[in-house]
Structure formats: C-alpha cells, structure tokens
Amino acid sequence: YPSSVIMNAMPAHVAGVKEIIMVV
C-alpha cells in the first residue's frame, strides 16, 4: 500500500516532524 505511506508520512512531514521512521 504505497498510498498508506503517503497518507501517514506526508502530514507528519508537513507538521515539521524531524524523524519519520517506517516499519514494513
């Protein structure tokens, strides 16, 4: 689900979160 990556990571990025750690 690449769409789930975008939907979860992008708002964090916009908010200014410095580190976004993904597990898959």
PDB file of all heavy atoms in Angstrom:
ATOM      1  N   TYR A   1       0.816  -1.201   0.000  1.00  0.00           N
ATOM      2  CA  TYR A   1       0.000   0.000   0.000  1.00  0.00           C
ATOM      3  C   TYR A   1       0.859   1.263   0.000  1.00  0.00           C
ATOM      4  O   TYR A   1       1.043   1.901   1.043  1.00  0.00           O
ATOM      5  CB  TYR A   1      -0.936   0.011   1.208  1.00  0.00           C
ATOM      6  CG  TYR A   1      -1.947  -1.108   1.207  1.00  0.00           C
ATOM      7  CD1 TYR A   1      -1.913  -2.108   2.176  1.00  0.00           C
ATOM      8  CD2 TYR A   1      -2.936  -1.164   0.233  1.00  0.00           C
ATOM      9  CE1 TYR A   1      -2.846  -3.136   2.177  1.00  0.00           C
ATOM     10  CE2 TYR A   1      -3.868  -2.198   0.219  1.00  0.00           C
ATOM     11  CZ  TYR A   1      -3.821  -3.174   1.209  1.00  0.00           C
ATOM     12  OH  TYR A   1      -4.735  -4.193   1.192  1.00  0.00           O
ATOM     13  N   PRO A   2       1.381   1.649  -1.161  1.00  0.00           N
ATOM     14  CA  PRO A   2       2.153   2.897  -1.207  1.00  0.00           C
ATOM     15  C   PRO A   2       1.307   4.100  -0.803  1.00  0.00           C
ATOM     16  O   PRO A   2       1.829   5.075  -0.260  1.00  0.00           O
ATOM     17  CB  PRO A   2       2.599   2.990  -2.667  1.00  0.00           C
ATOM     18  CG  PRO A   2       1.661   2.100  -3.425  1.00  0.00           C
ATOM     19  CD  PRO A   2       1.317   0.997  -2.479  1.00  0.00           C
ATOM     20  N   SER A   3       0.003   4.031  -1.054  1.00  0.00           N
ATOM     21  CA  SER A   3      -0.864   5.148  -0.667  1.00  0.00           C
ATOM     22  C   SER A   3      -0.867   5.347   0.843  1.00  0.00           C
ATOM     23  O   SER A   3      -0.935   6.483   1.331  1.00  0.00           O
ATOM     24  CB  SER A   3      -2.296   4.902  -1.164  1.00  0.00           C
ATOM     25  OG  SER A   3      -2.814   3.688  -0.658  1.00  0.00           O
ATOM     26  N   SER A   4      -0.777   4.257   1.614  1.00  0.00           N
ATOM     27  CA  SER A   4      -0.729   4.384   3.072  1.00  0.00           C
ATOM     28  C   SER A   4       0.546   5.069   3.531  1.00  0.00           C
ATOM     29  O   SER A   4       0.550   5.799   4.529  1.00  0.00           O
ATOM     30  CB  SER A   4      -0.837   3.000   3.724  1.00  0.00           C
ATOM     31  OG  SER A   4      -2.153   2.498   3.614  1.00  0.00           O
ATOM     32  N   VAL A   5       1.642   4.826   2.814  1.00  0.00           N
ATOM     33  CA  VAL A   5       2.896   5.511   3.146  1.00  0.00           C
ATOM     34  C   VAL A   5       2.708   7.017   3.012  1.00  0.00           C
ATOM     35  O   VAL A   5       3.035   7.796   3.918  1.00  0.00           O
ATOM     36  CB  VAL A   5       4.041   5.040   2.226  1.00  0.00           C
ATOM     37  CG1 VAL A   5       5.332   5.775   2.575  1.00  0.00           C
ATOM     38  CG2 VAL A   5       4.239   3.535   2.318  1.00  0.00           C
ATOM     39  N   ILE A   6       2.173   7.441   1.888  1.00  0.00           N
ATOM     40  CA  ILE A   6       1.986   8.871   1.629  1.00  0.00           C
ATOM     41  C   ILE A   6       1.021   9.485   2.628  1.00  0.00           C
ATOM     42  O   ILE A   6       1.278  10.566   3.182  1.00  0.00           O
ATOM     43  CB  ILE A   6       1.485   9.083   0.185  1.00  0.00           C
ATOM     44  CG1 ILE A   6       2.589   8.699  -0.805  1.00  0.00           C
ATOM     45  CG2 ILE A   6       1.042  10.528  -0.038  1.00  0.00           C
ATOM     46  CD1 ILE A   6       2.147   8.667  -2.252  1.00  0.00           C
ATOM     47  N   MET A   7      -0.094   8.797   2.899  1.00  0.00           N
ATOM     48  CA  MET A   7      -1.114   9.351   3.789  1.00  0.00           C
ATOM     49  C   MET A   7      -0.644   9.466   5.229  1.00  0.00           C
ATOM     50  O   MET A   7      -1.096  10.338   5.971  1.00  0.00           O
ATOM     51  CB  MET A   7      -2.382   8.492   3.732  1.00  0.00           C
ATOM     52  CG  MET A   7      -3.067   8.505   2.388  1.00  0.00           C
ATOM     53  SD  MET A   7      -3.754  10.139   1.994  1.00  0.00           S
ATOM     54  CE  MET A   7      -4.473   9.822   0.370  1.00  0.00           C
ATOM     55  N   ASN A   8       0.257   8.602   5.656  1.00  0.00           N
ATOM     56  CA  ASN A   8       0.763   8.670   7.028  1.00  0.00           C
ATOM     57  C   ASN A   8       1.989   9.560   7.156  1.00  0.00           C
ATOM     58  O   ASN A   8       2.130  10.291   8.142  1.00  0.00           O
ATOM     59  CB  ASN A   8       1.089   7.261   7.537  1.00  0.00           C
ATOM     60  CG  ASN A   8      -0.140   6.489   7.952  1.00  0.00           C
ATOM     61  OD1 ASN A   8      -0.577   6.566   9.091  1.00  0.00           O
ATOM     62  ND2 ASN A   8      -0.717   5.747   7.025  1.00  0.00           N
ATOM     63  N   ALA A   9       2.873   9.511   6.164  1.00  0.00           N
ATOM     64  CA  ALA A   9       4.125  10.256   6.283  1.00  0.00           C
ATOM     65  C   ALA A   9       3.982  11.726   5.920  1.00  0.00           C
ATOM     66  O   ALA A   9       4.610  12.591   6.546  1.00  0.00           O
ATOM     67  CB  ALA A   9       5.200   9.611   5.408  1.00  0.00           C
ATOM     68  N   MET A  10       3.170  12.040   4.920  1.00  0.00           N
ATOM     69  CA  MET A  10       3.118  13.411   4.428  1.00  0.00           C
ATOM     70  C   MET A  10       2.603  14.407   5.469  1.00  0.00           C
ATOM     71  O   MET A  10       3.186  15.482   5.642  1.00  0.00           O
ATOM     72  CB  MET A  10       2.310  13.493   3.137  1.00  0.00           C
ATOM     73  CG  MET A  10       2.478  14.831   2.412  1.00  0.00           C
ATOM     74  SD  MET A  10       4.220  15.271   2.114  1.00  0.00           S
ATOM     75  CE  MET A  10       4.607  14.198   0.725  1.00  0.00           C
ATOM     76  N   PRO A  11       1.510  14.112   6.193  1.00  0.00           N
ATOM     77  CA  PRO A  11       1.096  15.077   7.215  1.00  0.00           C
ATOM     78  C   PRO A  11       2.127  15.249   8.319  1.00  0.00           C
ATOM     79  O   PRO A  11       2.258  16.347   8.884  1.00  0.00           O
ATOM     80  CB  PRO A  11      -0.217  14.504   7.748  1.00  0.00           C
ATOM     81  CG  PRO A  11      -0.273  13.105   7.289  1.00  0.00           C
ATOM     82  CD  PRO A  11       0.531  13.029   6.033  1.00  0.00           C
ATOM     83  N   ALA A  12       2.871  14.189   8.639  1.00  0.00           N
ATOM     84  CA  ALA A  12       3.943  14.318   9.629  1.00  0.00           C
ATOM     85  C   ALA A  12       5.035  15.240   9.099  1.00  0.00           C
ATOM     86  O   ALA A  12       5.562  16.096   9.821  1.00  0.00           O
ATOM     87  CB  ALA A  12       4.520  12.944   9.961  1.00  0.00           C
ATOM     88  N   HIS A  13       5.355  15.062   7.832  1.00  0.00           N
ATOM     89  CA  HIS A  13       6.353  15.919   7.193  1.00  0.00           C
ATOM     90  C   HIS A  13       5.902  17.380   7.192  1.00  0.00           C
ATOM     91  O   HIS A  13       6.672  18.288   7.532  1.00  0.00           O
ATOM     92  CB  HIS A  13       6.579  15.420   5.762  1.00  0.00           C
ATOM     93  CG  HIS A  13       7.546  16.229   4.961  1.00  0.00           C
ATOM     94  ND1 HIS A  13       8.910  16.195   5.188  1.00  0.00           N
ATOM     95  CD2 HIS A  13       7.360  17.107   3.947  1.00  0.00           C
ATOM     96  CE1 HIS A  13       9.504  17.018   4.339  1.00  0.00           C
ATOM     97  NE2 HIS A  13       8.578  17.580   3.578  1.00  0.00           N
ATOM     98  N   VAL A  14       4.640  17.610   6.844  1.00  0.00           N
ATOM     99  CA  VAL A  14       4.094  18.972   6.824  1.00  0.00           C
ATOM    100  C   VAL A  14       4.105  19.586   8.222  1.00  0.00           C
ATOM    101  O   VAL A  14       4.387  20.779   8.390  1.00  0.00           O
ATOM    102  CB  VAL A  14       2.662  18.958   6.250  1.00  0.00           C
ATOM    103  CG1 VAL A  14       1.968  20.306   6.470  1.00  0.00           C
ATOM    104  CG2 VAL A  14       2.693  18.618   4.761  1.00  0.00           C
ATOM    105  N   ALA A  15       3.828  18.767   9.235  1.00  0.00           N
ATOM    106  CA  ALA A  15       3.791  19.264  10.605  1.00  0.00           C
ATOM    107  C   ALA A  15       5.156  19.695  11.111  1.00  0.00           C
ATOM    108  O   ALA A  15       5.257  20.449  12.084  1.00  0.00           O
ATOM    109  CB  ALA A  15       3.212  18.193  11.530  1.00  0.00           C
ATOM    110  N   GLY A  16       6.211  19.214  10.455  1.00  0.00           N
ATOM    111  CA  GLY A  16       7.557  19.572  10.874  1.00  0.00           C
ATOM    112  C   GLY A  16       8.263  18.505  11.693  1.00  0.00           C
ATOM    113  O   GLY A  16       9.288  18.781  12.335  1.00  0.00           O
ATOM    114  N   VAL A  17       7.729  17.272  11.676  1.00  0.00           N
ATOM    115  CA  VAL A  17       8.382  16.170  12.387  1.00  0.00           C
ATOM    116  C   VAL A  17       9.762  15.927  11.780  1.00  0.00           C
ATOM    117  O   VAL A  17       9.893  15.795  10.565  1.00  0.00           O
ATOM    118  CB  VAL A  17       7.525  14.898  12.311  1.00  0.00           C
ATOM    119  CG1 VAL A  17       8.243  13.719  12.957  1.00  0.00           C
ATOM    120  CG2 VAL A  17       6.168  15.128  12.968  1.00  0.00           C
ATOM    121  N   LYS A  18      10.774  15.884  12.628  1.00  0.00           N
ATOM    122  CA  LYS A  18      12.151  15.771  12.133  1.00  0.00           C
ATOM    123  C   LYS A  18      12.517  14.363  11.684  1.00  0.00           C
ATOM    124  O   LYS A  18      13.289  14.180  10.746  1.00  0.00           O
ATOM    125  CB  LYS A  18      13.138  16.216  13.228  1.00  0.00           C
ATOM    126  CG  LYS A  18      12.980  17.675  13.642  1.00  0.00           C
ATOM    127  CD  LYS A  18      13.214  18.617  12.474  1.00  0.00           C
ATOM    128  CE  LYS A  18      13.111  20.072  12.905  1.00  0.00           C
ATOM    129  NZ  LYS A  18      13.197  21.007  11.745  1.00  0.00           N
ATOM    130  N   GLU A  19      11.978  13.349  12.378  1.00  0.00           N
ATOM    131  CA  GLU A  19      12.308  11.967  12.029  1.00  0.00           C
ATOM    132  C   GLU A  19      11.032  11.160  11.820  1.00  0.00           C
ATOM    133  O   GLU A  19      10.177  11.115  12.713  1.00  0.00           O
ATOM    134  CB  GLU A  19      13.135  11.305  13.123  1.00  0.00           C
ATOM    135  CG  GLU A  19      14.572  11.776  13.215  1.00  0.00           C
ATOM    136  CD  GLU A  19      15.351  10.950  14.231  1.00  0.00           C
ATOM    137  OE1 GLU A  19      15.693   9.791  13.906  1.00  0.00           O
ATOM    138  OE2 GLU A  19      15.588  11.451  15.335  1.00  0.00           O
ATOM    139  N   ILE A  20      10.914  10.548  10.663  1.00  0.00           N
ATOM    140  CA  ILE A  20       9.784   9.673  10.350  1.00  0.00           C
ATOM    141  C   ILE A  20      10.339   8.282  10.104  1.00  0.00           C
ATOM    142  O   ILE A  20      11.025   8.037   9.103  1.00  0.00           O
ATOM    143  CB  ILE A  20       9.014  10.180   9.119  1.00  0.00           C
ATOM    144  CG1 ILE A  20       8.542  11.626   9.334  1.00  0.00           C
ATOM    145  CG2 ILE A  20       7.822   9.271   8.827  1.00  0.00           C
ATOM    146  CD1 ILE A  20       7.927  12.263   8.101  1.00  0.00           C
ATOM    147  N   ILE A  21      10.088   7.378  11.041  1.00  0.00           N
ATOM    148  CA  ILE A  21      10.612   6.017  10.966  1.00  0.00           C
ATOM    149  C   ILE A  21       9.516   5.098  10.462  1.00  0.00           C
ATOM    150  O   ILE A  21       8.429   5.036  11.039  1.00  0.00           O
ATOM    151  CB  ILE A  21      11.093   5.534  12.355  1.00  0.00           C
ATOM    152  CG1 ILE A  21      12.038   6.557  12.998  1.00  0.00           C
ATOM    153  CG2 ILE A  21      11.737   4.159  12.240  1.00  0.00           C
ATOM    154  CD1 ILE A  21      13.297   6.813  12.221  1.00  0.00           C
ATOM    155  N   MET A  22       9.780   4.388   9.405  1.00  0.00           N
ATOM    156  CA  MET A  22       8.790   3.482   8.831  1.00  0.00           C
ATOM    157  C   MET A  22       9.182   2.038   9.085  1.00  0.00           C
ATOM    158  O   MET A  22      10.352   1.676   8.976  1.00  0.00           O
ATOM    159  CB  MET A  22       8.667   3.723   7.320  1.00  0.00           C
ATOM    160  CG  MET A  22       7.582   2.902   6.634  1.00  0.00           C
ATOM    161  SD  MET A  22       7.415   3.390   4.881  1.00  0.00           S
ATOM    162  CE  MET A  22       8.103   1.966   4.052  1.00  0.00           C
ATOM    163  N   VAL A  23       8.195   1.227   9.450  1.00  0.00           N
ATOM    164  CA  VAL A  23       8.413  -0.222   9.555  1.00  0.00           C
ATOM    165  C   VAL A  23       7.500  -0.901   8.542  1.00  0.00           C
ATOM    166  O   VAL A  23       6.343  -0.532   8.380  1.00  0.00           O
ATOM    167  CB  VAL A  23       8.137  -0.755  10.977  1.00  0.00           C
ATOM    168  CG1 VAL A  23       9.160  -0.206  11.951  1.00  0.00           C
ATOM    169  CG2 VAL A  23       6.729  -0.411  11.453  1.00  0.00           C
ATOM    170  N   VAL A  24       8.034  -1.876   7.841  1.00  0.00           N
ATOM    171  CA  VAL A  24       7.261  -2.604   6.835  1.00  0.00           C
ATOM    172  C   VAL A  24       7.790  -4.033   6.760  1.00  0.00           C
ATOM    173  O   VAL A  24       8.989  -4.250   6.578  1.00  0.00           O
ATOM    174  CB  VAL A  24       7.344  -1.913   5.453  1.00  0.00           C
ATOM    175  CG1 VAL A  24       8.786  -1.729   4.994  1.00  0.00           C
ATOM    176  CG2 VAL A  24       6.539  -2.680   4.412  1.00  0.00           C
TER     177      VAL A  24
END
